[in-house]
C-alpha atoms as a PDB file:
ATOM      1  CA  MET A   1      13.854  10.743  36.386  1.00  0.00           C
ATOM      2  CA  ILE A   2      14.588   8.721  33.826  1.00  0.00           C
ATOM      3  CA  LYS A   3      13.601   9.208  30.306  1.00  0.00           C
ATOM      4  CA  PRO A   4      11.761   6.555  28.372  1.00  0.00           C
ATOM      5  CA  VAL A   5      13.773   5.630  25.169  1.00  0.00           C
ATOM      6  CA  GLN A   6      12.209   6.743  22.424  1.00  0.00           C
ATOM      7  CA  PRO A   7      11.933   3.883  19.110  1.00  0.00           C
ATOM      8  CA  SER A   8      14.258   4.642  16.640  1.00  0.00           C
ATOM      9  CA  PRO A   9      12.156   6.350  13.672  1.00  0.00           C
ATOM     10  CA  ARG A  10      11.184   3.948  11.149  1.00  0.00           C
ATOM     11  CA  LEU A  11      10.829   3.729   7.301  1.00  0.00           C
ATOM     12  CA  PHE A  12       8.235   1.548   5.454  1.00  0.00           C
ATOM     13  CA  ILE A  13       8.645   1.771   1.807  1.00  0.00           C
ATOM     14  CA  VAL A  14       5.830   0.332  -0.457  1.00  0.00           C
ATOM     15  CA  MET A  15       7.579  -0.178  -3.969  1.00  0.00           C
ATOM     16  CA  GLY A  16       6.473  -1.553  -6.995  1.00  0.00           C
ATOM     17  CA  VAL A  17       6.089  -0.867 -10.713  1.00  0.00           C
ATOM     18  CA  SER A  18       3.799   2.349 -11.662  1.00  0.00           C
ATOM     19  CA  GLY A  19       0.100   1.850 -11.007  1.00  0.00           C
ATOM     20  CA  THR A  20       0.356  -1.371  -8.541  1.00  0.00           C
ATOM     21  CA  GLY A  21      -1.208   1.303  -5.774  1.00  0.00           C
ATOM     22  CA  LYS A  22       2.231   2.659  -3.923  1.00  0.00           C
ATOM     23  CA  SER A  23       1.058   5.554  -3.450  1.00  0.00           C
ATOM     24  CA  SER A  24      -2.435   5.323  -2.153  1.00  0.00           C
ATOM     25  CA  LEU A  25      -0.876   2.114  -0.073  1.00  0.00           C
ATOM     26  CA  ALA A  26       1.274   4.036   1.602  1.00  0.00           C
ATOM     27  CA  LYS A  27      -0.407   6.991   2.331  1.00  0.00           C
ATOM     28  CA  GLN A  28      -3.551   4.232   4.113  1.00  0.00           C
ATOM     29  CA  LEU A  29      -0.454   3.256   5.858  1.00  0.00           C
ATOM     30  CA  ALA A  30       0.688   6.518   6.783  1.00  0.00           C
ATOM     31  CA  ASP A  31      -2.680   7.583   8.088  1.00  0.00           C
ATOM     32  CA  GLU A  32      -2.886   3.864   9.969  1.00  0.00           C
ATOM     33  CA  LEU A  33       0.409   4.380  12.109  1.00  0.00           C
ATOM     34  CA  SER A  34       0.173   8.160  12.191  1.00  0.00           C
ATOM     35  CA  ILE A  35       3.777   8.829  10.103  1.00  0.00           C
ATOM     36  CA  ILE A  36       4.523  11.039   7.486  1.00  0.00           C
ATOM     37  CA  PHE A  37       3.762  10.388   3.886  1.00  0.00           C
ATOM     38  CA  LEU A  38       6.187  10.946   1.369  1.00  0.00           C
ATOM     39  CA  ASP A  39       5.868   9.891  -2.587  1.00  0.00           C
ATOM     40  CA  ALA A  40       8.861  10.186  -4.410  1.00  0.00           C
ATOM     41  CA  ASP A  41       6.736  11.083  -7.693  1.00  0.00           C
ATOM     42  CA  ASP A  42       6.704  14.507  -5.868  1.00  0.00           C
ATOM     43  CA  PHE A  43      10.763  14.883  -5.896  1.00  0.00           C
ATOM     44  CA  HIS A  44      10.944  14.276  -9.778  1.00  0.00           C
ATOM     45  CA  SER A  45      11.875  17.329 -11.656  1.00  0.00           C
ATOM     46  CA  VAL A  46      10.053  18.884 -14.013  1.00  0.00           C
ATOM     47  CA  GLN A  47      12.123  17.851 -17.036  1.00  0.00           C
ATOM     48  CA  ALA A  48      12.087  14.365 -15.573  1.00  0.00           C
ATOM     49  CA  LYS A  49       8.383  14.642 -15.651  1.00  0.00           C
ATOM     50  CA  LYS A  50       7.991  15.515 -19.145  1.00  0.00           C
ATOM     51  CA  HIS A  51      10.449  12.998 -20.444  1.00  0.00           C
ATOM     52  CA  MET A  52       8.275  10.091 -19.058  1.00  0.00           C
ATOM     53  CA  ALA A  53       4.994  11.706 -20.426  1.00  0.00           C
ATOM     54  CA  GLU A  54       6.762  12.194 -23.886  1.00  0.00           C
ATOM     55  CA  ASN A  55       6.915   7.949 -23.136  1.00  0.00           C
ATOM     56  CA  LYS A  56      10.629   7.842 -22.238  1.00  0.00           C
ATOM     57  CA  PRO A  57      11.763   5.873 -19.528  1.00  0.00           C
ATOM     58  CA  LEU A  58      14.282   7.583 -17.005  1.00  0.00           C
ATOM     59  CA  THR A  59      17.762   6.275 -17.095  1.00  0.00           C
ATOM     60  CA  ASP A  60      20.074   5.748 -13.550  1.00  0.00           C
ATOM     61  CA  GLU A  61      21.923   8.789 -14.637  1.00  0.00           C
ATOM     62  CA  MET A  62      18.592  10.628 -14.748  1.00  0.00           C
ATOM     63  CA  ARG A  63      17.706   9.109 -11.491  1.00  0.00           C
ATOM     64  CA  LYS A  64      20.364  10.222  -9.531  1.00  0.00           C
ATOM     65  CA  PRO A  65      19.418  13.815  -8.523  1.00  0.00           C
ATOM     66  CA  TRP A  66      15.708  12.730  -8.074  1.00  0.00           C
ATOM     67  CA  LEU A  67      17.431  10.100  -5.142  1.00  0.00           C
ATOM     68  CA  ALA A  68      19.726  12.311  -3.754  1.00  0.00           C
ATOM     69  CA  ALA A  69      16.487  14.648  -2.814  1.00  0.00           C
ATOM     70  CA  ILE A  70      14.248  11.934  -1.610  1.00  0.00           C
ATOM     71  CA  LEU A  71      17.837  10.778   0.498  1.00  0.00           C
ATOM     72  CA  THR A  72      18.528  14.610   1.331  1.00  0.00           C
ATOM     73  CA  HIS A  73      14.608  14.693   2.755  1.00  0.00           C
ATOM     74  CA  LEU A  74      14.564  11.567   4.389  1.00  0.00           C
ATOM     75  CA  ASN A  75      17.810  12.154   6.430  1.00  0.00           C
ATOM     76  CA  SER A  76      15.918  15.556   7.833  1.00  0.00           C
ATOM     77  CA  LEU A  77      13.202  13.442   8.714  1.00  0.00           C
ATOM     78  CA  TYR A  78      14.843  11.270  10.598  1.00  0.00           C
ATOM     79  CA  GLN A  79      16.979  14.263  12.083  1.00  0.00           C
ATOM     80  CA  GLN A  80      13.153  15.211  13.192  1.00  0.00           C
ATOM     81  CA  GLY A  81      12.654  11.520  15.003  1.00  0.00           C
ATOM     82  CA  LYS A  82       9.894  11.176  12.530  1.00  0.00           C
ATOM     83  CA  SER A  83       9.046   8.010  10.651  1.00  0.00           C
ATOM     84  CA  VAL A  84       7.753   8.046   7.079  1.00  0.00           C
ATOM     85  CA  ALA A  85       6.032   6.002   4.736  1.00  0.00           C
ATOM     86  CA  LEU A  86       7.246   5.920   0.819  1.00  0.00           C
ATOM     87  CA  ALA A  87       5.422   5.322  -1.774  1.00  0.00           C
ATOM     88  CA  TYR A  88       8.719   4.604  -4.148  1.00  0.00           C
ATOM     89  CA  SER A  89       9.167   2.366  -7.441  1.00  0.00           C
ATOM     90  CA  GLY A  90      12.045   0.374  -5.801  1.00  0.00           C
ATOM     91  CA  LEU A  91      12.759  -0.800  -9.105  1.00  0.00           C
ATOM     92  CA  LYS A  92      16.849  -1.336  -9.065  1.00  0.00           C
ATOM     93  CA  SER A  93      18.476  -3.005  -5.961  1.00  0.00           C
ATOM     94  CA  ALA A  94      21.387  -1.032  -5.979  1.00  0.00           C
ATOM     95  CA  HIS A  95      18.951   1.525  -5.309  1.00  0.00           C
ATOM     96  CA  ARG A  96      16.991  -0.019  -2.485  1.00  0.00           C
ATOM     97  CA  GLN A  97      20.433  -0.162  -0.782  1.00  0.00           C
ATOM     98  CA  LEU A  98      20.889   3.237  -0.530  1.00  0.00           C
ATOM     99  CA  PHE A  99      17.726   3.585   1.598  1.00  0.00           C
ATOM    100  CA  ARG A 100      18.756   0.893   3.373  1.00  0.00           C
ATOM    101  CA  GLU A 101      22.154   3.114   4.576  1.00  0.00           C
ATOM    102  CA  LEU A 102      19.746   5.338   5.967  1.00  0.00           C
ATOM    103  CA  CYS A 103      19.391   5.330  10.231  1.00  0.00           C
ATOM    104  CA  PHE A 104      16.291   3.986  10.058  1.00  0.00           C
ATOM    105  CA  HIS A 105      14.915   0.979  10.853  1.00  0.00           C
ATOM    106  CA  CYS A 106      13.506   0.363   6.769  1.00  0.00           C
ATOM    107  CA  HIS A 107      11.705  -2.334   5.460  1.00  0.00           C
ATOM    108  CA  PHE A 108      10.140  -2.811   2.170  1.00  0.00           C
ATOM    109  CA  PHE A 109       6.815  -4.068   0.635  1.00  0.00           C
ATOM    110  CA  TYR A 110       6.965  -5.019  -2.471  1.00  0.00           C
ATOM    111  CA  LEU A 111       3.546  -4.822  -4.366  1.00  0.00           C
ATOM    112  CA  ILE A 112       3.570  -7.963  -7.290  1.00  0.00           C
ATOM    113  CA  ALA A 113       0.678  -7.861  -9.463  1.00  0.00           C
ATOM    114  CA  ASP A 114       0.029  -8.934 -13.159  1.00  0.00           C
ATOM    115  CA  LYS A 115       1.180  -6.759 -16.189  1.00  0.00           C
ATOM    116  CA  ASP A 116      -2.436  -6.895 -17.606  1.00  0.00           C
ATOM    117  CA  VAL A 117      -3.768  -5.450 -13.901  1.00  0.00           C
ATOM    118  CA  ILE A 118      -1.663  -3.078 -14.486  1.00  0.00           C
ATOM    119  CA  ALA A 119      -2.468  -1.868 -17.225  1.00  0.00           C
ATOM    120  CA  LYS A 120      -5.970  -1.607 -16.931  1.00  0.00           C
ATOM    121  CA  ARG A 121      -5.283   0.608 -13.673  1.00  0.00           C
ATOM    122  CA  ILE A 122      -3.336   3.048 -14.967  1.00  0.00           C
ATOM    123  CA  ALA A 123      -5.788   3.694 -18.352  1.00  0.00           C
ATOM    124  CA  GLN A 124      -7.836   4.761 -15.576  1.00  0.00           C
ATOM    125  CA  ARG A 125      -5.966   7.037 -13.895  1.00  0.00           C
ATOM    126  CA  GLU A 126      -6.840  10.987 -14.306  1.00  0.00           C
ATOM    127  CA  SER A 127      -3.906  13.712 -14.745  1.00  0.00           C
ATOM    128  CA  HIS A 128      -0.942  11.590 -13.812  1.00  0.00           C
ATOM    129  CA  PHE A 129       2.413  12.300 -15.676  1.00  0.00           C
ATOM    130  CA  PHE A 130       3.349   8.820 -16.499  1.00  0.00           C
ATOM    131  CA  SER A 131       2.594   7.545 -19.480  1.00  0.00           C
ATOM    132  CA  PRO A 132       1.185   3.686 -19.880  1.00  0.00           C
ATOM    133  CA  ASP A 133       2.734   3.304 -22.483  1.00  0.00           C
ATOM    134  CA  LEU A 134       6.370   2.894 -19.917  1.00  0.00           C
ATOM    135  CA  LEU A 135       4.539   0.295 -17.999  1.00  0.00           C
ATOM    136  CA  ALA A 136       6.727  -2.315 -20.342  1.00  0.00           C
ATOM    137  CA  SER A 137       9.900  -0.411 -19.554  1.00  0.00           C
ATOM    138  CA  GLN A 138       9.050  -0.776 -15.953  1.00  0.00           C
ATOM    139  CA  PHE A 139       8.442  -4.024 -16.064  1.00  0.00           C
ATOM    140  CA  ALA A 140      11.668  -4.618 -17.698  1.00  0.00           C
ATOM    141  CA  ALA A 141      13.537  -2.841 -15.397  1.00  0.00           C
ATOM    142  CA  MET A 142      12.135  -4.154 -12.007  1.00  0.00           C
ATOM    143  CA  GLN A 143      14.625  -6.273 -10.098  1.00  0.00           C
ATOM    144  CA  ALA A 144      12.682  -8.585  -8.263  1.00  0.00           C
ATOM    145  CA  PRO A 145      14.247  -8.882  -4.754  1.00  0.00           C
ATOM    146  CA  LEU A 146      17.409 -11.046  -4.056  1.00  0.00           C
ATOM    147  CA  LEU A 147      17.549 -13.744  -1.578  1.00  0.00           C
ATOM    148  CA  SER A 148      19.647 -11.715   0.736  1.00  0.00           C
ATOM    149  CA  GLU A 149      17.180  -8.713   0.753  1.00  0.00           C
ATOM    150  CA  THR A 150      15.612  -9.895   3.935  1.00  0.00           C
ATOM    151  CA  ASP A 151      13.421  -6.700   4.771  1.00  0.00           C
ATOM    152  CA  VAL A 152      11.338  -6.971   1.719  1.00  0.00           C
ATOM    153  CA  SER A 153       7.866  -8.726   2.119  1.00  0.00           C
ATOM    154  CA  GLY A 154       6.273  -9.595  -1.031  1.00  0.00           C
ATOM    155  CA  ILE A 155       2.362  -8.187  -1.214  1.00  0.00           C
ATOM    156  CA  ASN A 156       0.001  -9.717  -4.070  1.00  0.00           C
ATOM    157  CA  SER A 157      -1.507  -6.295  -5.091  1.00  0.00           C
ATOM    158  CA  GLU A 158      -4.301  -7.835  -7.387  1.00  0.00           C
ATOM    159  CA  ARG A 159      -6.918  -8.140  -4.879  1.00  0.00           C
ATOM    160  CA  PRO A 160      -9.372  -5.217  -3.619  1.00  0.00           C
ATOM    161  CA  PHE A 161      -7.512  -2.183  -1.742  1.00  0.00           C
ATOM    162  CA  LEU A 162      -8.762  -2.741   1.597  1.00  0.00           C
ATOM    163  CA  LEU A 163      -7.067  -6.688   1.865  1.00  0.00           C
ATOM    164  CA  VAL A 164      -4.017  -5.219   0.647  1.00  0.00           C
ATOM    165  CA  ALA A 165      -3.706  -2.297   2.971  1.00  0.00           C
ATOM    166  CA  ASN A 166      -5.037  -4.635   6.125  1.00  0.00           C
ATOM    167  CA  GLU A 167      -2.043  -6.968   5.119  1.00  0.00           C
ATOM    168  CA  ILE A 168       0.256  -4.481   5.560  1.00  0.00           C
ATOM    169  CA  ASN A 169      -0.736  -2.492   7.986  1.00  0.00           C
ATOM    170  CA  LYS A 170      -0.852  -5.294  10.324  1.00  0.00           C
ATOM    171  CA  LEU A 171       2.854  -6.737   9.022  1.00  0.00           C
ATOM    172  CA  ALA A 172       3.978  -2.994   9.850  1.00  0.00           C
ATOM    173  CA  GLN A 173       2.542  -2.879  13.272  1.00  0.00           C
ATOM    174  CA  LEU A 174       4.422  -6.614  13.824  1.00  0.00           C
ATOM    175  CA  LEU A 175       7.469  -5.084  12.481  1.00  0.00           C
ATOM    176  CA  THR A 176       6.990  -1.985  14.752  1.00  0.00           C
ATOM    177  CA  ARG A 177       6.786  -4.241  18.229  1.00  0.00           C
ATOM    178  CA  LYS A 178       9.967  -6.420  16.891  1.00  0.00           C
ATOM    179  CA  VAL A 179      12.155  -3.699  17.698  1.00  0.00           C
END
């Protein structure tokens, strides 16, 4: 008997500055596709969260153990044949490249919104460690995808949640069928 070929696990990364809706949209995508949801914020150390709560942006050096923890966990899920929807800022091109080097079929959904829209959203959030005062540093640190980053889909996240979620879901389903 011939065993059906199992598709390679997928990694869908919903990225953008804080307040764009990464976590909610990645969770919704995970539910829609029946895959694992991960929030990169859950991998921050207590010290890093405290640092950000004190209105101090993380340095690249401070991000290294955070990224290592996420990548290690993702490798474990890949070994189990699990696909993942990850909410992750994706601020730096070099950091995004680390995820491409995993064995997953990887695709990024880059959430784009005006700074004022995001500031209003952040002001309305309750009990989140991210200080609204850090928003400017997030926009300054965000490196827009390079032309060579062909695995990134730009998504206008200023629209109502359901419209944005439907767009991401449809794109993810199309991408899933292609490979």
